[in-house]
Amino acid sequence: MPMTSAAAWLNEFFSGYDSAILSFMHSLASAAGGVLNPLMKAVTFLGEKGIIFFLLALIFMCFASERDTGVCVFGAVCCGALITNIILKDSIARPRPFESVDQFRDWWIFVGSPFEDGFSFPSGHVTAAAAGMTALSLMKGKKLVIPSVIVVLLMAVSRNYLMAHYPSDVLVAAVIGVASGFIAWVITRFIFRFLEDRRDSMPLAELVLDFDIRELLPFELPFTGAARASARTAGDAGQASVRRTARHDADSRAVDGDARRSRASAEDGRGGGRAAEPQRRRTSAGGKHLSSSASRSRFTLPGTYRGKHEKR
């Protein structure tokens, strides 16, 4: 199959960059004497088709408190796969290093890398790793930034070490993966805000937010008992705090109303029989007018979603 103009341009434009890094990888493999070969093959195997991130996303989606994280990771990997495997790989059709350059083929044989079909640009492994880890970092916070960088770098090094991709393949794949993670994060926040806004009026939205697989299991999952108890305690404490605030506001309004009526009565007495101001009905201090956010969900699950994406 003749090389496309886009693939030829990539080979020419990144020639020095690709050759330098692949040469370094071969030197590393030679110096290590094959010790790193099993590690690099294992890293590549774990990143195959982004399966590990799909499984992680499905596990997250089983728990109410982590469902948004699972949706974000799943969406990020799907978005990256769409851009990389569906759109770019076939349209650019760049051959792999061991298919186009004899020297790279010799280095590929040296490390004992298995044959891989499909085109080279960009790397699906690195795209999936960057997309999944970016989504996790955005959902879980800065504590995952450094581990995410390490995971993506390790995946990128493994693909170059095994001569399965050009360095420019993994560079572009990392950019696509990060962008996919941001896209999925924005869409996830929109979806969960939409569900939260309709939680009281749409039973399906409430079910999607609150369903937790642990409620269906006849046994306690390891490492989740304390989390469930903590979630239940936090939820009860939060609702109690809302009710105390509502009662305090109601009492304050009642006291203000009494003071206004007293002043109005005194002014009427001084004004010689001016008609008394109609008495305002006193607001109940029992919490009957709590906002909808304070009302308990019909699905009172310990892992109930806490509205992390509500507009502030």
Protein backbone atom coordinates (compact mmCIF):
# COMPACT_ATOMS: atom_id res chain seq x y z
CA MET A 1 0.00 0.00 0.00
CA PRO A 2 1.52 3.38 -0.99
CA MET A 3 2.21 5.82 1.84
CA THR A 4 -0.21 8.72 2.11
CA SER A 5 1.04 12.29 1.79
CA ALA A 6 0.19 12.92 5.45
CA ALA A 7 2.24 9.92 6.59
CA ALA A 8 5.15 10.94 4.38
CA TRP A 9 5.05 14.47 5.81
CA LEU A 10 5.07 13.12 9.39
CA ASN A 11 8.05 10.89 8.64
CA GLU A 12 9.97 13.79 7.14
CA PHE A 13 8.99 16.49 9.63
CA PHE A 14 9.68 14.38 12.74
CA SER A 15 12.61 12.43 11.27
CA GLY A 16 15.29 13.80 13.61
CA TYR A 17 13.07 13.70 16.69
CA ASP A 18 11.85 10.16 16.06
CA SER A 19 15.26 8.76 15.17
CA ALA A 20 16.96 10.27 18.22
CA ILE A 21 14.47 8.88 20.73
CA LEU A 22 14.20 5.44 19.11
CA SER A 23 17.99 5.24 19.02
CA PHE A 24 18.09 6.05 22.73
CA MET A 25 15.49 3.34 23.41
CA HIS A 26 17.61 0.78 21.53
CA SER A 27 20.68 1.84 23.52
CA LEU A 28 18.69 1.44 26.73
CA ALA A 29 17.54 -2.04 25.70
CA SER A 30 21.12 -3.02 24.82
CA ALA A 31 22.53 -1.69 28.09
CA ALA A 32 19.84 -3.44 30.15
CA GLY A 33 20.48 -6.71 28.39
CA GLY A 34 16.81 -7.49 27.91
CA VAL A 35 15.91 -7.04 31.59
CA LEU A 36 13.36 -4.34 30.75
CA ASN A 37 11.68 -6.31 27.97
CA PRO A 38 9.10 -8.13 30.18
CA LEU A 39 8.23 -4.90 32.00
CA MET A 40 7.62 -2.98 28.80
CA LYS A 41 5.52 -5.81 27.37
CA ALA A 42 3.47 -5.94 30.58
CA VAL A 43 2.84 -2.19 30.49
CA THR A 44 1.72 -2.43 26.87
CA PHE A 45 -0.53 -5.38 27.67
CA LEU A 46 -2.24 -3.46 30.48
CA GLY A 47 -2.96 -0.58 28.12
CA GLU A 48 -4.39 -2.74 25.34
CA LYS A 49 -7.56 -1.17 23.88
CA GLY A 50 -7.97 0.91 27.05
CA ILE A 51 -9.69 -2.10 28.65
CA ILE A 52 -8.30 -1.43 32.12
CA PHE A 53 -9.82 2.07 32.08
CA PHE A 54 -13.15 0.78 30.83
CA LEU A 55 -13.23 -1.75 33.68
CA LEU A 56 -12.27 0.94 36.19
CA ALA A 57 -15.02 3.20 34.87
CA LEU A 58 -17.62 0.43 35.16
CA ILE A 59 -16.57 -0.26 38.76
CA PHE A 60 -16.86 3.43 39.64
CA MET A 61 -20.31 3.62 38.05
CA CYS A 62 -21.60 0.90 40.40
CA PHE A 63 -21.30 3.27 43.38
CA ALA A 64 -23.42 6.38 43.78
CA SER A 65 -20.64 8.51 45.27
CA GLU A 66 -18.26 7.70 42.38
CA ARG A 67 -20.67 7.46 39.47
CA ASP A 68 -19.69 10.79 37.97
CA THR A 69 -16.04 9.75 38.02
CA GLY A 70 -16.87 6.52 36.21
CA VAL A 71 -18.90 8.36 33.58
CA CYS A 72 -16.08 10.85 33.05
CA VAL A 73 -13.40 8.16 32.63
CA PHE A 74 -15.61 6.11 30.31
CA GLY A 75 -16.43 9.15 28.20
CA ALA A 76 -12.80 10.27 28.04
CA VAL A 77 -11.53 6.91 26.79
CA CYS A 78 -14.39 6.67 24.26
CA CYS A 79 -13.68 10.19 23.01
CA GLY A 80 -9.98 9.42 22.63
CA ALA A 81 -10.70 6.15 20.82
CA LEU A 82 -13.05 7.93 18.42
CA ILE A 83 -10.46 10.56 17.51
CA THR A 84 -7.50 8.19 17.37
CA ASN A 85 -8.70 4.81 16.15
CA ILE A 86 -11.73 5.80 14.10
CA ILE A 87 -10.70 9.10 12.53
CA LEU A 88 -6.92 9.59 12.45
CA LYS A 89 -5.35 6.14 12.13
CA ASP A 90 -7.08 5.13 8.89
CA SER A 91 -7.11 8.59 7.35
CA ILE A 92 -3.36 9.19 7.85
CA ALA A 93 -2.34 5.52 7.49
CA ARG A 94 1.20 5.87 8.81
CA PRO A 95 3.12 2.54 8.82
CA ARG A 96 4.71 1.42 12.06
CA PRO A 97 8.47 1.98 12.52
CA PHE A 98 9.39 -1.68 12.00
CA GLU A 99 7.39 -1.73 8.77
CA SER A 100 9.02 1.24 7.08
CA VAL A 101 12.67 1.45 8.19
CA ASP A 102 15.07 -1.50 8.13
CA GLN A 103 17.06 -0.25 11.11
CA PHE A 104 13.94 0.10 13.23
CA ARG A 105 12.92 -3.40 12.16
CA ASP A 106 16.24 -4.76 13.44
CA TRP A 107 15.73 -2.98 16.76
CA TRP A 108 12.17 -4.31 16.93
CA ILE A 109 13.46 -7.87 16.51
CA PHE A 110 16.18 -7.24 19.11
CA VAL A 111 13.66 -6.52 21.90
CA GLY A 112 11.44 -9.41 20.86
CA SER A 113 8.39 -7.21 20.42
CA PRO A 114 5.31 -9.02 19.08
CA PHE A 115 3.90 -8.09 15.70
CA GLU A 116 1.13 -5.49 15.78
CA ASP A 117 -1.27 -4.74 13.00
CA GLY A 118 -2.98 -1.45 12.27
CA PHE A 119 -1.44 1.92 11.59
CA SER A 120 0.97 3.81 13.77
CA PHE A 121 -0.30 7.39 14.09
CA PRO A 122 -1.34 8.16 16.78
CA SER A 123 -0.86 5.63 19.59
CA GLY A 124 -4.11 4.19 20.91
CA HIS A 125 -2.42 2.94 24.09
CA VAL A 126 -1.11 6.38 25.02
CA THR A 127 -4.37 8.08 24.04
CA ALA A 128 -6.34 5.81 26.37
CA ALA A 129 -3.86 6.26 29.22
CA ALA A 130 -3.77 10.05 28.89
CA ALA A 131 -7.56 10.32 28.54
CA GLY A 132 -8.32 8.06 31.50
CA MET A 133 -5.76 9.60 33.83
CA THR A 134 -6.72 13.15 32.87
CA ALA A 135 -10.35 12.37 33.67
CA LEU A 136 -9.37 10.88 37.04
CA SER A 137 -7.22 13.91 37.86
CA LEU A 138 -9.99 16.36 37.00
CA MET A 139 -12.55 14.45 39.06
CA LYS A 140 -10.34 13.56 42.03
CA GLY A 141 -8.09 16.59 42.30
CA LYS A 142 -4.42 17.56 42.09
CA LYS A 143 -3.25 14.57 44.13
CA LEU A 144 -3.48 12.41 40.99
CA VAL A 145 -1.59 14.72 38.64
CA ILE A 146 1.87 13.29 39.32
CA PRO A 147 0.70 9.63 39.22
CA SER A 148 -1.09 10.44 35.96
CA VAL A 149 2.05 11.87 34.39
CA ILE A 150 4.00 8.79 35.47
CA VAL A 151 1.42 6.40 33.99
CA VAL A 152 1.29 8.22 30.66
CA LEU A 153 5.08 8.51 30.43
CA LEU A 154 5.51 4.82 31.24
CA MET A 155 3.01 3.87 28.55
CA ALA A 156 4.70 6.16 26.02
CA VAL A 157 8.17 4.77 26.83
CA SER A 158 6.92 1.19 26.49
CA ARG A 159 5.51 1.84 23.03
CA ASN A 160 8.77 3.41 21.83
CA TYR A 161 10.93 0.83 23.57
CA LEU A 162 9.10 -1.97 21.73
CA MET A 163 9.42 -0.05 18.44
CA ALA A 164 5.66 -0.24 17.98
CA HIS A 165 5.27 3.55 17.53
CA TYR A 166 7.26 6.57 16.54
CA PRO A 167 7.83 9.08 19.37
CA SER A 168 5.75 11.59 17.40
CA ASP A 169 2.88 9.08 17.54
CA VAL A 170 2.87 9.03 21.33
CA LEU A 171 3.39 12.79 21.59
CA VAL A 172 0.28 13.56 19.56
CA ALA A 173 -1.61 10.77 21.33
CA ALA A 174 -0.88 12.34 24.72
CA VAL A 175 -2.27 15.67 23.53
CA ILE A 176 -5.40 13.98 22.18
CA GLY A 177 -5.84 12.05 25.42
CA VAL A 178 -5.58 15.15 27.61
CA ALA A 179 -8.04 17.00 25.37
CA SER A 180 -10.43 14.03 25.50
CA GLY A 181 -10.27 14.04 29.29
CA PHE A 182 -11.21 17.74 29.42
CA ILE A 183 -14.05 17.23 26.94
CA ALA A 184 -15.43 14.33 28.97
CA TRP A 185 -15.12 16.36 32.18
CA VAL A 186 -17.14 19.25 30.78
CA ILE A 187 -19.84 16.92 29.42
CA THR A 188 -19.99 14.96 32.69
CA ARG A 189 -20.53 18.10 34.74
CA PHE A 190 -23.31 19.17 32.37
CA ILE A 191 -25.01 15.76 32.61
CA PHE A 192 -24.94 15.63 36.40
CA ARG A 193 -26.10 19.23 36.77
CA PHE A 194 -29.00 18.36 34.48
CA LEU A 195 -29.85 15.33 36.63
CA GLU A 196 -29.56 17.26 39.88
CA ASP A 197 -31.84 20.04 38.64
CA ARG A 198 -34.50 17.40 37.88
CA ARG A 199 -33.92 15.16 40.83
CA ASP A 200 -37.23 15.98 42.55
CA SER A 201 -39.34 15.93 39.40
CA MET A 202 -37.80 13.01 37.51
CA PRO A 203 -37.63 9.64 39.32
CA LEU A 204 -35.19 8.32 36.73
CA ALA A 205 -32.74 11.13 37.52
CA GLU A 206 -32.99 10.33 41.22
CA LEU A 207 -32.38 6.66 40.54
CA VAL A 208 -29.37 7.38 38.34
CA LEU A 209 -27.85 9.59 41.02
CA ASP A 210 -28.62 7.43 44.06
CA PHE A 211 -28.50 3.79 42.99
CA ASP A 212 -25.68 1.92 44.72
CA ILE A 213 -24.71 -1.68 43.98
CA ARG A 214 -23.86 -2.26 47.65
CA GLU A 215 -27.54 -2.13 48.55
CA LEU A 216 -28.19 -5.21 46.43
CA LEU A 217 -25.37 -7.32 47.83
CA PRO A 218 -26.01 -9.72 50.73
CA PHE A 219 -22.50 -9.04 52.08
CA GLU A 220 -20.29 -6.08 52.89
CA LEU A 221 -17.65 -5.24 50.31
CA PRO A 222 -14.10 -4.91 51.66
CA PHE A 223 -12.96 -1.39 52.53
CA THR A 224 -16.44 0.08 51.99
CA GLY A 225 -18.14 -0.36 55.36
CA ALA A 226 -16.48 2.64 56.95
CA ALA A 227 -17.13 4.74 53.86
CA ARG A 228 -20.82 3.84 53.90
CA ALA A 229 -21.14 4.67 57.58
CA SER A 230 -19.30 7.93 57.01
CA ALA A 231 -21.58 8.82 54.08
CA ARG A 232 -24.67 8.05 56.15
CA THR A 233 -23.41 10.11 59.08
CA ALA A 234 -22.43 13.01 56.81
CA GLY A 235 -25.80 12.95 55.09
CA ASP A 236 -27.75 12.94 58.38
CA ALA A 237 -25.56 15.69 59.80
CA GLY A 238 -25.97 17.78 56.68
CA GLN A 239 -29.75 17.51 56.72
CA ALA A 240 -29.84 18.27 60.45
CA SER A 241 -27.74 21.37 59.82
CA VAL A 242 -30.13 22.53 57.09
CA ARG A 243 -33.10 22.06 59.39
CA ARG A 244 -31.41 23.95 62.23
CA THR A 245 -30.66 26.80 59.84
CA ALA A 246 -34.26 26.86 58.62
CA ARG A 247 -35.60 26.93 62.19
CA HIS A 248 -33.19 29.74 63.08
CA ASP A 249 -34.31 31.77 60.06
CA ALA A 250 -37.96 31.16 60.90
CA ASP A 251 -37.45 32.27 64.52
CA SER A 252 -35.61 35.38 63.34
CA ARG A 253 -38.44 36.29 60.97
CA ALA A 254 -40.97 35.76 63.76
CA VAL A 255 -39.05 38.04 66.16
CA ASP A 256 -38.72 40.71 63.47
CA GLY A 257 -42.46 40.48 62.78
CA ASP A 258 -43.32 40.94 66.48
CA ALA A 259 -41.04 43.96 66.70
CA ARG A 260 -42.61 45.56 63.63
CA ARG A 261 -46.11 44.97 64.97
CA SER A 262 -45.14 46.51 68.32
CA ARG A 263 -43.76 49.62 66.62
CA ALA A 264 -46.84 49.88 64.42
CA SER A 265 -49.13 49.58 67.45
CA ALA A 266 -47.24 52.29 69.29
CA GLU A 267 -47.42 54.60 66.27
CA ASP A 268 -51.16 53.97 65.94
CA GLY A 269 -51.64 54.89 69.59
CA ARG A 270 -49.77 58.13 69.11
CA GLY A 271 -51.61 58.85 65.86
CA GLY A 272 -55.04 58.88 67.46
CA GLY A 273 -56.70 55.70 66.24
CA ARG A 274 -54.99 55.06 62.96
CA ALA A 275 -56.07 51.69 61.60
CA ALA A 276 -53.81 48.91 62.77
CA GLU A 277 -51.59 47.28 60.22
CA PRO A 278 -52.93 43.84 59.27
CA GLN A 279 -51.17 41.22 61.32
CA ARG A 280 -48.73 39.10 59.36
CA ARG A 281 -49.01 35.38 59.75
CA ARG A 282 -46.15 33.99 61.74
CA THR A 283 -43.88 31.55 59.97
CA SER A 284 -43.72 28.13 61.53
CA ALA A 285 -40.45 27.27 63.21
CA GLY A 286 -41.00 23.57 62.65
CA GLY A 287 -39.17 23.42 59.31
CA LYS A 288 -42.20 22.84 57.07
CA HIS A 289 -40.83 25.22 54.46
CA LEU A 290 -37.42 23.66 54.01
CA SER A 291 -36.02 23.94 50.51
CA SER A 292 -36.26 20.92 48.26
CA SER A 293 -32.54 20.29 48.72
CA ALA A 294 -33.19 19.63 52.41
CA SER A 295 -35.93 17.04 51.79
CA ARG A 296 -34.81 13.43 52.08
CA SER A 297 -34.54 11.49 48.85
CA ARG A 298 -37.02 8.69 48.25
CA PHE A 299 -33.98 6.49 47.62
CA THR A 300 -32.32 6.74 51.03
CA LEU A 301 -29.13 4.88 50.16
CA PRO A 302 -25.96 5.29 52.21
CA GLY A 303 -24.02 6.16 49.07
CA THR A 304 -26.45 8.85 47.96
CA TYR A 305 -24.97 11.32 45.49
CA ARG A 306 -24.25 14.62 47.23
CA GLY A 307 -24.65 17.12 44.41
CA LYS A 308 -21.01 17.82 43.63
CA HIS A 309 -21.88 19.62 40.40
CA GLU A 310 -24.60 21.95 41.67
CA LYS A 311 -24.09 25.53 40.57
CA ARG A 312 -22.62 27.64 43.34
